[in-house]
C-alpha atoms as a PDB file:
ATOM      1  CA  MET A   1     -14.299   4.084 -49.460  1.00  0.00           C
ATOM      2  CA  THR A   2     -15.652   5.643 -46.496  1.00  0.00           C
ATOM      3  CA  THR A   3     -13.616   6.488 -43.500  1.00  0.00           C
ATOM      4  CA  HIS A   4     -14.921   6.162 -39.939  1.00  0.00           C
ATOM      5  CA  SER A   5     -13.189   8.829 -37.933  1.00  0.00           C
ATOM      6  CA  ASN A   6     -16.129  10.743 -36.876  1.00  0.00           C
ATOM      7  CA  PRO A   7     -14.552  13.617 -34.657  1.00  0.00           C
ATOM      8  CA  GLN A   8     -17.515  13.620 -32.561  1.00  0.00           C
ATOM      9  CA  ASP A   9     -17.018   9.984 -31.476  1.00  0.00           C
ATOM     10  CA  SER A  10     -13.091  11.170 -30.601  1.00  0.00           C
ATOM     11  CA  ALA A  11     -14.565  13.935 -28.588  1.00  0.00           C
ATOM     12  CA  LYS A  12     -16.747  11.479 -26.685  1.00  0.00           C
ATOM     13  CA  MET A  13     -13.602   9.226 -25.877  1.00  0.00           C
ATOM     14  CA  ASN A  14     -12.105  12.102 -24.721  1.00  0.00           C
ATOM     15  CA  MET A  15     -14.683  13.020 -22.188  1.00  0.00           C
ATOM     16  CA  ALA A  16     -14.492   9.456 -21.389  1.00  0.00           C
ATOM     17  CA  ILE A  17     -10.804   9.449 -20.300  1.00  0.00           C
ATOM     18  CA  GLN A  18     -10.991  12.877 -18.670  1.00  0.00           C
ATOM     19  CA  GLY A  19     -13.999  11.305 -16.512  1.00  0.00           C
ATOM     20  CA  HIS A  20     -12.286   8.216 -15.690  1.00  0.00           C
ATOM     21  CA  ASP A  21      -9.258  10.434 -14.717  1.00  0.00           C
ATOM     22  CA  GLN A  22     -11.287  12.184 -12.519  1.00  0.00           C
ATOM     23  CA  PHE A  23     -13.031   9.509 -10.942  1.00  0.00           C
ATOM     24  CA  MET A  24      -9.644   7.735  -9.998  1.00  0.00           C
ATOM     25  CA  THR A  25      -8.458  11.151  -8.414  1.00  0.00           C
ATOM     26  CA  THR A  26     -11.522  11.144  -6.207  1.00  0.00           C
ATOM     27  CA  TYR A  27     -11.380   7.169  -5.088  1.00  0.00           C
ATOM     28  CA  ILE A  28      -7.510   7.852  -4.231  1.00  0.00           C
ATOM     29  CA  ASP A  29      -9.034  11.150  -2.145  1.00  0.00           C
ATOM     30  CA  ASN A  30     -11.634   8.989  -0.655  1.00  0.00           C
ATOM     31  CA  LEU A  31      -9.341   6.106   0.210  1.00  0.00           C
ATOM     32  CA  TYR A  32      -6.921   8.504   1.845  1.00  0.00           C
ATOM     33  CA  VAL A  33      -9.263  10.481   3.467  1.00  0.00           C
ATOM     34  CA  MET A  34     -10.639   6.914   5.168  1.00  0.00           C
ATOM     35  CA  TYR A  35      -7.610   5.710   6.126  1.00  0.00           C
ATOM     36  CA  LYS A  36      -6.789   8.919   8.396  1.00  0.00           C
ATOM     37  CA  TRP A  37     -10.205   8.898   9.584  1.00  0.00           C
ATOM     38  CA  ALA A  38      -9.570   4.901  10.991  1.00  0.00           C
ATOM     39  CA  ALA A  39      -5.818   5.943  12.054  1.00  0.00           C
ATOM     40  CA  TYR A  40      -7.997   8.509  14.145  1.00  0.00           C
ATOM     41  CA  PHE A  41     -10.523   6.404  15.809  1.00  0.00           C
ATOM     42  CA  CYS A  42      -7.766   3.867  16.586  1.00  0.00           C
ATOM     43  CA  GLN A  43      -5.601   6.380  18.083  1.00  0.00           C
ATOM     44  CA  GLU A  44      -2.713   5.822  16.199  1.00  0.00           C
ATOM     45  CA  ILE A  45      -2.359   8.509  14.027  1.00  0.00           C
ATOM     46  CA  PRO A  46       0.703   7.201  11.474  1.00  0.00           C
ATOM     47  CA  ILE A  47       2.004   9.858   9.229  1.00  0.00           C
ATOM     48  CA  VAL A  48       0.314   9.358   5.703  1.00  0.00           C
ATOM     49  CA  LYS A  49       1.527  11.481   2.990  1.00  0.00           C
ATOM     50  CA  LYS A  50      -0.040  11.525  -0.561  1.00  0.00           C
ATOM     51  CA  LYS A  51       2.624  11.439  -3.141  1.00  0.00           C
ATOM     52  CA  ILE A  52       1.353  11.744  -6.764  1.00  0.00           C
ATOM     53  CA  ILE A  53       4.435   9.796  -8.874  1.00  0.00           C
ATOM     54  CA  ASN A  54       2.795  10.289 -12.467  1.00  0.00           C
ATOM     55  CA  LYS A  55      -1.158  11.159 -13.868  1.00  0.00           C
ATOM     56  CA  ASN A  56      -1.415   7.144 -13.137  1.00  0.00           C
ATOM     57  CA  THR A  57       0.327   6.280  -9.736  1.00  0.00           C
ATOM     58  CA  ILE A  58      -0.352   7.835  -6.502  1.00  0.00           C
ATOM     59  CA  ALA A  59       1.216   6.345  -3.328  1.00  0.00           C
ATOM     60  CA  LEU A  60       0.258   6.293  -0.040  1.00  0.00           C
ATOM     61  CA  GLN A  61       3.238   6.351   2.450  1.00  0.00           C
ATOM     62  CA  ILE A  62       2.890   5.292   5.817  1.00  0.00           C
ATOM     63  CA  GLN A  63       5.574   6.071   8.177  1.00  0.00           C
END
C-alpha cells in the first residue's frame, strides 16, 4: 500500500496559494490607484478609504 502525500507537492501547493494571495492584493491595489486617478481626472475627488477586513476581504469605502 502506497501513500501519495509527496512533501514536494504540498510545497508547490503552498507556493500557489501564496502567489494567489499576492496577486489578489496587487490587483486590489491597482484597482484602488486606478479609481483614485479616475476621480482625479473627473475633478471630483471623493474620499476613498481602503480597509482590509481580513486576508480575503478588502473593502473600498467611498464617501
